[in-house]
Amino acid sequence: KQWYQRRVRATRKRVFVIDVMGGNCGYLAVLSGLASGADAVYIPEQHVNIDQLQCDAYRVMDKIIQGCKRGIIIRNENSSPHYKNDFVTALYAEEGKDKFVTRSAVLGHIQQGYSPSPFDRALAASFACKVYRDIVKRTTKPELTPADLVVVGIRGSVTTFTPVLQLKMDIPRRVPVDNWWLDLKPLVQTLALPPNTATVQDNCTDTCTHCDEK
């Protein structure tokens, strides 16, 4: 993400459509959009239609016209079975062909790995210490039950265990039931708006309901 931010700052009037991981959960896409100043984020939890895509393209075009030099569109890999990264890129390229250049990127497993930060190392050590002590303690138990199956994590500022039976999860889809981070998604688009935002409704089609919902 930092590489793309530097890249778009060094160029003029470019819009990047970036495909990120996350599976059926849009958490990574929303937080990436919030951190990078993205103009739009597409996630599986919220249906994406052609009118919304076109509306967002016009919004980015208005932003470029007003002097902004870049645009960033974040798309979760499973946000839509039909509107894939290539389709979204082609749509933005067509709508803004006279105003900006569109580029696409699929980050994929580039997001995983690389050199761990000091925080990563400290966190890993904390988890390992917690787990090791628990393993030693559990070896004295005559028999383990399903209630003993736990995951390690952080609650507040404390490293703790949570029983798997208590997790509020949609197990088949591997996503949490409580998507608290969805409340952050409108903030992504609000922070991306330029001071003198043009009226997007003037450019949208008559069937577009995305702007009316705003």
C-alpha atoms as a PDB file:
ATOM      1  CA  LYS A   1       0.000   0.000   0.000  1.00  0.00           C
ATOM      2  CA  GLN A   2       2.802   2.427   0.845  1.00  0.00           C
ATOM      3  CA  TRP A   3       4.452   1.681  -2.512  1.00  0.00           C
ATOM      4  CA  TYR A   4       1.225   2.516  -4.351  1.00  0.00           C
ATOM      5  CA  GLN A   5       0.772   5.706  -2.356  1.00  0.00           C
ATOM      6  CA  ARG A   6       4.263   6.864  -3.342  1.00  0.00           C
ATOM      7  CA  ARG A   7       3.634   5.815  -6.938  1.00  0.00           C
ATOM      8  CA  VAL A   8       0.410   7.777  -7.314  1.00  0.00           C
ATOM      9  CA  ARG A   9       1.945  10.841  -5.683  1.00  0.00           C
ATOM     10  CA  ALA A  10       4.738  10.767  -8.242  1.00  0.00           C
ATOM     11  CA  THR A  11       2.413  10.611 -11.240  1.00  0.00           C
ATOM     12  CA  ARG A  12      -0.355  12.807 -12.575  1.00  0.00           C
ATOM     13  CA  LYS A  13      -4.000  11.969 -12.930  1.00  0.00           C
ATOM     14  CA  ARG A  14      -3.909   8.234 -12.405  1.00  0.00           C
ATOM     15  CA  VAL A  15      -6.530   5.985 -10.842  1.00  0.00           C
ATOM     16  CA  PHE A  16      -5.470   2.632  -9.414  1.00  0.00           C
ATOM     17  CA  VAL A  17      -7.946  -0.234  -9.025  1.00  0.00           C
ATOM     18  CA  ILE A  18      -6.414  -2.528  -6.412  1.00  0.00           C
ATOM     19  CA  ASP A  19      -7.626  -6.065  -5.709  1.00  0.00           C
ATOM     20  CA  VAL A  20      -6.931  -7.153  -2.114  1.00  0.00           C
ATOM     21  CA  MET A  21      -7.342 -10.402  -0.214  1.00  0.00           C
ATOM     22  CA  GLY A  22      -9.895 -11.108   2.507  1.00  0.00           C
ATOM     23  CA  GLY A  23     -12.020 -13.961   1.205  1.00  0.00           C
ATOM     24  CA  ASN A  24     -15.665 -13.451   2.154  1.00  0.00           C
ATOM     25  CA  CYS A  25     -14.841 -10.742   4.688  1.00  0.00           C
ATOM     26  CA  GLY A  26     -14.363  -7.107   3.696  1.00  0.00           C
ATOM     27  CA  TYR A  27     -12.481  -6.096   6.864  1.00  0.00           C
ATOM     28  CA  LEU A  28      -9.099  -5.914   5.125  1.00  0.00           C
ATOM     29  CA  ALA A  29     -10.493  -3.916   2.189  1.00  0.00           C
ATOM     30  CA  VAL A  30     -12.265  -1.360   4.412  1.00  0.00           C
ATOM     31  CA  LEU A  31      -9.280  -0.806   6.714  1.00  0.00           C
ATOM     32  CA  SER A  32      -6.943  -0.616   3.692  1.00  0.00           C
ATOM     33  CA  GLY A  33      -9.231   1.971   2.128  1.00  0.00           C
ATOM     34  CA  LEU A  34      -9.323   4.001   5.330  1.00  0.00           C
ATOM     35  CA  ALA A  35      -5.528   3.890   5.703  1.00  0.00           C
ATOM     36  CA  SER A  36      -4.738   4.744   2.072  1.00  0.00           C
ATOM     37  CA  GLY A  37      -7.403   7.397   1.481  1.00  0.00           C
ATOM     38  CA  ALA A  38      -9.279   5.309  -1.089  1.00  0.00           C
ATOM     39  CA  ASP A  39     -12.139   6.833  -3.057  1.00  0.00           C
ATOM     40  CA  ALA A  40     -14.283   3.671  -3.050  1.00  0.00           C
ATOM     41  CA  VAL A  41     -14.242   0.241  -1.443  1.00  0.00           C
ATOM     42  CA  TYR A  42     -16.151  -2.810  -2.729  1.00  0.00           C
ATOM     43  CA  ILE A  43     -16.797  -5.667  -0.296  1.00  0.00           C
ATOM     44  CA  PRO A  44     -18.831  -8.926  -0.220  1.00  0.00           C
ATOM     45  CA  GLU A  45     -21.062  -7.752   2.643  1.00  0.00           C
ATOM     46  CA  GLN A  46     -22.580  -4.994   0.490  1.00  0.00           C
ATOM     47  CA  HIS A  47     -23.969  -5.709  -2.965  1.00  0.00           C
ATOM     48  CA  VAL A  48     -22.187  -3.980  -5.834  1.00  0.00           C
ATOM     49  CA  ASN A  49     -24.134  -2.982  -8.961  1.00  0.00           C
ATOM     50  CA  ILE A  50     -23.249  -1.286 -12.213  1.00  0.00           C
ATOM     51  CA  ASP A  51     -24.901   1.999 -11.221  1.00  0.00           C
ATOM     52  CA  GLN A  52     -22.765   2.251  -8.095  1.00  0.00           C
ATOM     53  CA  LEU A  53     -19.611   1.571 -10.098  1.00  0.00           C
ATOM     54  CA  GLN A  54     -20.500   4.256 -12.620  1.00  0.00           C
ATOM     55  CA  CYS A  55     -21.454   6.707  -9.883  1.00  0.00           C
ATOM     56  CA  ASP A  56     -18.123   6.187  -8.130  1.00  0.00           C
ATOM     57  CA  ALA A  57     -16.303   6.632 -11.440  1.00  0.00           C
ATOM     58  CA  TYR A  58     -18.000  10.008 -11.917  1.00  0.00           C
ATOM     59  CA  ARG A  59     -17.117  10.992  -8.376  1.00  0.00           C
ATOM     60  CA  VAL A  60     -13.456  10.213  -9.003  1.00  0.00           C
ATOM     61  CA  MET A  61     -13.618  12.099 -12.308  1.00  0.00           C
ATOM     62  CA  ASP A  62     -15.012  15.165 -10.522  1.00  0.00           C
ATOM     63  CA  LYS A  63     -12.164  14.930  -8.051  1.00  0.00           C
ATOM     64  CA  ILE A  64      -9.568  14.758 -10.830  1.00  0.00           C
ATOM     65  CA  ILE A  65     -11.142  17.724 -12.622  1.00  0.00           C
ATOM     66  CA  GLN A  66     -10.850  19.787  -9.452  1.00  0.00           C
ATOM     67  CA  GLY A  67      -7.094  19.196  -9.359  1.00  0.00           C
ATOM     68  CA  CYS A  68      -6.544  15.951  -7.498  1.00  0.00           C
ATOM     69  CA  LYS A  69      -3.720  13.927  -9.060  1.00  0.00           C
ATOM     70  CA  ARG A  70      -4.723  10.428  -8.016  1.00  0.00           C
ATOM     71  CA  GLY A  71      -7.522   8.024  -7.213  1.00  0.00           C
ATOM     72  CA  ILE A  72      -7.492   4.698  -5.377  1.00  0.00           C
ATOM     73  CA  ILE A  73     -10.218   2.057  -5.667  1.00  0.00           C
ATOM     74  CA  ILE A  74     -10.040  -0.935  -3.300  1.00  0.00           C
ATOM     75  CA  ARG A  75     -11.831  -4.143  -4.288  1.00  0.00           C
ATOM     76  CA  ASN A  76     -12.129  -7.263  -2.131  1.00  0.00           C
ATOM     77  CA  GLU A  77     -11.312 -10.389  -4.136  1.00  0.00           C
ATOM     78  CA  ASN A  78     -14.830 -11.803  -3.562  1.00  0.00           C
ATOM     79  CA  SER A  79     -16.792  -8.552  -3.651  1.00  0.00           C
ATOM     80  CA  SER A  80     -18.660  -9.642  -6.786  1.00  0.00           C
ATOM     81  CA  PRO A  81     -18.641 -12.795  -8.916  1.00  0.00           C
ATOM     82  CA  HIS A  82     -19.235 -10.730 -12.061  1.00  0.00           C
ATOM     83  CA  TYR A  83     -17.605  -7.318 -11.534  1.00  0.00           C
ATOM     84  CA  LYS A  84     -14.039  -8.564 -11.386  1.00  0.00           C
ATOM     85  CA  ASN A  85     -10.936  -6.395 -11.193  1.00  0.00           C
ATOM     86  CA  ASP A  86     -10.544  -6.282 -14.981  1.00  0.00           C
ATOM     87  CA  PHE A  87     -14.165  -5.193 -15.436  1.00  0.00           C
ATOM     88  CA  VAL A  88     -13.934  -2.433 -12.814  1.00  0.00           C
ATOM     89  CA  THR A  89     -10.671  -1.215 -14.316  1.00  0.00           C
ATOM     90  CA  ALA A  90     -12.165  -1.153 -17.831  1.00  0.00           C
ATOM     91  CA  LEU A  91     -15.219   0.772 -16.608  1.00  0.00           C
ATOM     92  CA  TYR A  92     -13.122   3.448 -14.893  1.00  0.00           C
ATOM     93  CA  ALA A  93     -10.856   3.650 -17.938  1.00  0.00           C
ATOM     94  CA  GLU A  94     -13.809   4.177 -20.273  1.00  0.00           C
ATOM     95  CA  GLU A  95     -15.599   6.749 -18.121  1.00  0.00           C
ATOM     96  CA  GLY A  96     -12.451   8.740 -17.417  1.00  0.00           C
ATOM     97  CA  LYS A  97     -10.556   8.236 -20.658  1.00  0.00           C
ATOM     98  CA  ASP A  98     -10.251  11.971 -21.269  1.00  0.00           C
ATOM     99  CA  LYS A  99      -9.545  12.872 -17.652  1.00  0.00           C
ATOM    100  CA  PHE A 100      -7.255  10.218 -16.143  1.00  0.00           C
ATOM    101  CA  VAL A 101      -5.333   7.006 -16.809  1.00  0.00           C
ATOM    102  CA  THR A 102      -6.477   3.808 -15.092  1.00  0.00           C
ATOM    103  CA  ARG A 103      -4.189   1.052 -13.840  1.00  0.00           C
ATOM    104  CA  SER A 104      -5.022  -2.196 -12.045  1.00  0.00           C
ATOM    105  CA  ALA A 105      -3.133  -4.323  -9.554  1.00  0.00           C
ATOM    106  CA  VAL A 106      -3.851  -7.623  -7.811  1.00  0.00           C
ATOM    107  CA  LEU A 107      -1.843  -7.646  -4.607  1.00  0.00           C
ATOM    108  CA  GLY A 108      -2.716 -11.212  -3.613  1.00  0.00           C
ATOM    109  CA  HIS A 109      -0.088 -12.827  -1.412  1.00  0.00           C
ATOM    110  CA  ILE A 110       2.176  -9.776  -1.647  1.00  0.00           C
ATOM    111  CA  GLN A 111       0.169  -8.618   1.382  1.00  0.00           C
ATOM    112  CA  GLN A 112       1.476 -11.543   3.401  1.00  0.00           C
ATOM    113  CA  GLY A 113       4.954 -11.863   4.806  1.00  0.00           C
ATOM    114  CA  TYR A 114       7.878  -9.461   4.245  1.00  0.00           C
ATOM    115  CA  SER A 115      10.077  -8.383   7.135  1.00  0.00           C
ATOM    116  CA  PRO A 116       8.264  -8.361  10.502  1.00  0.00           C
ATOM    117  CA  SER A 117       8.190  -5.083  12.383  1.00  0.00           C
ATOM    118  CA  PRO A 118       9.291  -4.779  16.039  1.00  0.00           C
ATOM    119  CA  PHE A 119       5.599  -4.824  16.983  1.00  0.00           C
ATOM    120  CA  ASP A 120       5.108  -8.059  15.029  1.00  0.00           C
ATOM    121  CA  ARG A 121       8.006  -9.700  16.852  1.00  0.00           C
ATOM    122  CA  ALA A 122       6.804  -8.557  20.275  1.00  0.00           C
ATOM    123  CA  LEU A 123       3.270  -9.750  19.525  1.00  0.00           C
ATOM    124  CA  ALA A 124       4.488 -13.159  18.330  1.00  0.00           C
ATOM    125  CA  ALA A 125       6.603 -13.574  21.464  1.00  0.00           C
ATOM    126  CA  SER A 126       3.660 -12.657  23.673  1.00  0.00           C
ATOM    127  CA  PHE A 127       1.387 -15.189  21.936  1.00  0.00           C
ATOM    128  CA  ALA A 128       4.048 -17.922  22.036  1.00  0.00           C
ATOM    129  CA  CYS A 129       4.663 -17.420  25.753  1.00  0.00           C
ATOM    130  CA  LYS A 130       0.942 -17.504  26.523  1.00  0.00           C
ATOM    131  CA  VAL A 131       0.384 -20.648  24.472  1.00  0.00           C
ATOM    132  CA  TYR A 132       3.424 -22.473  25.873  1.00  0.00           C
ATOM    133  CA  ARG A 133       2.339 -21.928  29.460  1.00  0.00           C
ATOM    134  CA  ASP A 134      -1.173 -23.106  28.637  1.00  0.00           C
ATOM    135  CA  ILE A 135       0.117 -26.262  26.918  1.00  0.00           C
ATOM    136  CA  VAL A 136       2.230 -27.127  29.970  1.00  0.00           C
ATOM    137  CA  LYS A 137      -0.760 -26.614  32.247  1.00  0.00           C
ATOM    138  CA  ARG A 138      -3.087 -28.718  30.085  1.00  0.00           C
ATOM    139  CA  THR A 139      -0.717 -31.706  29.999  1.00  0.00           C
ATOM    140  CA  THR A 140      -1.713 -32.427  33.597  1.00  0.00           C
ATOM    141  CA  LYS A 141      -5.364 -32.838  32.616  1.00  0.00           C
ATOM    142  CA  PRO A 142      -6.522 -36.449  32.278  1.00  0.00           C
ATOM    143  CA  GLU A 143      -8.797 -35.678  29.349  1.00  0.00           C
ATOM    144  CA  LEU A 144      -9.456 -32.697  27.106  1.00  0.00           C
ATOM    145  CA  THR A 145     -12.977 -31.627  26.088  1.00  0.00           C
ATOM    146  CA  PRO A 146     -14.297 -29.437  23.231  1.00  0.00           C
ATOM    147  CA  ALA A 147     -14.457 -26.589  25.750  1.00  0.00           C
ATOM    148  CA  ASP A 148     -10.654 -26.735  25.983  1.00  0.00           C
ATOM    149  CA  LEU A 149     -10.298 -25.750  22.313  1.00  0.00           C
ATOM    150  CA  VAL A 150      -9.293 -22.082  22.314  1.00  0.00           C
ATOM    151  CA  VAL A 151      -7.735 -19.371  20.156  1.00  0.00           C
ATOM    152  CA  VAL A 152      -5.239 -16.808  21.373  1.00  0.00           C
ATOM    153  CA  GLY A 153      -5.739 -13.121  20.765  1.00  0.00           C
ATOM    154  CA  ILE A 154      -5.851  -9.660  22.301  1.00  0.00           C
ATOM    155  CA  ARG A 155      -8.812  -8.177  24.172  1.00  0.00           C
ATOM    156  CA  GLY A 156      -8.176  -4.538  24.934  1.00  0.00           C
ATOM    157  CA  SER A 157      -4.484  -4.677  25.852  1.00  0.00           C
ATOM    158  CA  VAL A 158      -4.455  -8.164  27.380  1.00  0.00           C
ATOM    159  CA  THR A 159      -3.312 -11.360  25.645  1.00  0.00           C
ATOM    160  CA  THR A 160      -5.996 -13.925  26.390  1.00  0.00           C
ATOM    161  CA  PHE A 161      -7.702 -17.115  25.228  1.00  0.00           C
ATOM    162  CA  THR A 162     -11.219 -17.343  23.827  1.00  0.00           C
ATOM    163  CA  PRO A 163     -13.006 -20.721  23.653  1.00  0.00           C
ATOM    164  CA  VAL A 164     -13.890 -21.633  20.070  1.00  0.00           C
ATOM    165  CA  LEU A 165     -17.414 -22.521  21.226  1.00  0.00           C
ATOM    166  CA  GLN A 166     -17.912 -18.893  22.263  1.00  0.00           C
ATOM    167  CA  LEU A 167     -16.823 -17.383  18.947  1.00  0.00           C
ATOM    168  CA  LYS A 168     -19.629 -15.681  17.050  1.00  0.00           C
ATOM    169  CA  MET A 169     -18.656 -16.946  13.627  1.00  0.00           C
ATOM    170  CA  ASP A 170     -20.266 -17.990  10.392  1.00  0.00           C
ATOM    171  CA  ILE A 171     -18.104 -21.109  10.219  1.00  0.00           C
ATOM    172  CA  PRO A 172     -18.915 -22.214   6.612  1.00  0.00           C
ATOM    173  CA  ARG A 173     -18.070 -18.753   5.242  1.00  0.00           C
ATOM    174  CA  ARG A 174     -15.274 -18.134   7.776  1.00  0.00           C
ATOM    175  CA  VAL A 175     -16.487 -14.655   8.691  1.00  0.00           C
ATOM    176  CA  PRO A 176     -17.566 -13.044  11.990  1.00  0.00           C
ATOM    177  CA  VAL A 177     -21.260 -12.524  12.707  1.00  0.00           C
ATOM    178  CA  ASP A 178     -20.673  -9.039  14.126  1.00  0.00           C
ATOM    179  CA  ASN A 179     -19.164  -6.892  11.374  1.00  0.00           C
ATOM    180  CA  TRP A 180     -18.475  -3.857  13.571  1.00  0.00           C
ATOM    181  CA  TRP A 181     -16.075  -2.388  11.013  1.00  0.00           C
ATOM    182  CA  LEU A 182     -18.876  -1.841   8.452  1.00  0.00           C
ATOM    183  CA  ASP A 183     -19.620   1.447  10.224  1.00  0.00           C
ATOM    184  CA  LEU A 184     -16.219   2.682   9.044  1.00  0.00           C
ATOM    185  CA  LYS A 185     -16.974   2.228   5.330  1.00  0.00           C
ATOM    186  CA  PRO A 186     -18.982   5.483   4.851  1.00  0.00           C
ATOM    187  CA  LEU A 187     -16.087   7.308   6.492  1.00  0.00           C
ATOM    188  CA  VAL A 188     -13.735   6.112   3.745  1.00  0.00           C
ATOM    189  CA  GLN A 189     -15.714   7.874   1.031  1.00  0.00           C
ATOM    190  CA  THR A 190     -16.379  10.965   3.149  1.00  0.00           C
ATOM    191  CA  LEU A 191     -12.668  11.509   3.814  1.00  0.00           C
ATOM    192  CA  ALA A 192     -11.886  11.062   0.108  1.00  0.00           C
ATOM    193  CA  LEU A 193     -14.197  13.873  -1.042  1.00  0.00           C
ATOM    194  CA  PRO A 194     -12.477  17.094  -2.161  1.00  0.00           C
ATOM    195  CA  PRO A 195     -13.523  20.417  -0.565  1.00  0.00           C
ATOM    196  CA  ASN A 196     -15.600  21.521  -3.570  1.00  0.00           C
ATOM    197  CA  THR A 197     -17.266  18.292  -4.604  1.00  0.00           C
ATOM    198  CA  ALA A 198     -19.329  18.527  -7.768  1.00  0.00           C
ATOM    199  CA  THR A 199     -22.871  17.173  -7.762  1.00  0.00           C
ATOM    200  CA  VAL A 200     -22.470  13.568  -8.790  1.00  0.00           C
ATOM    201  CA  GLN A 201     -26.180  13.201  -9.520  1.00  0.00           C
ATOM    202  CA  ASP A 202     -25.765  15.418 -12.602  1.00  0.00           C
ATOM    203  CA  ASN A 203     -23.593  12.745 -14.210  1.00  0.00           C
ATOM    204  CA  CYS A 204     -25.364   9.624 -12.949  1.00  0.00           C
ATOM    205  CA  THR A 205     -27.967   7.729 -14.894  1.00  0.00           C
ATOM    206  CA  ASP A 206     -31.639   8.097 -14.047  1.00  0.00           C
ATOM    207  CA  THR A 207     -31.674   4.616 -12.531  1.00  0.00           C
ATOM    208  CA  CYS A 208     -28.816   5.294 -10.121  1.00  0.00           C
ATOM    209  CA  THR A 209     -29.978   5.062  -6.508  1.00  0.00           C
ATOM    210  CA  HIS A 210     -26.539   5.111  -4.904  1.00  0.00           C
ATOM    211  CA  CYS A 211     -26.337   8.905  -4.635  1.00  0.00           C
ATOM    212  CA  ASP A 212     -29.898   9.185  -3.350  1.00  0.00           C
ATOM    213  CA  GLU A 213     -29.009   6.824  -0.516  1.00  0.00           C
ATOM    214  CA  LYS A 214     -26.192   9.144   0.467  1.00  0.00           C
END
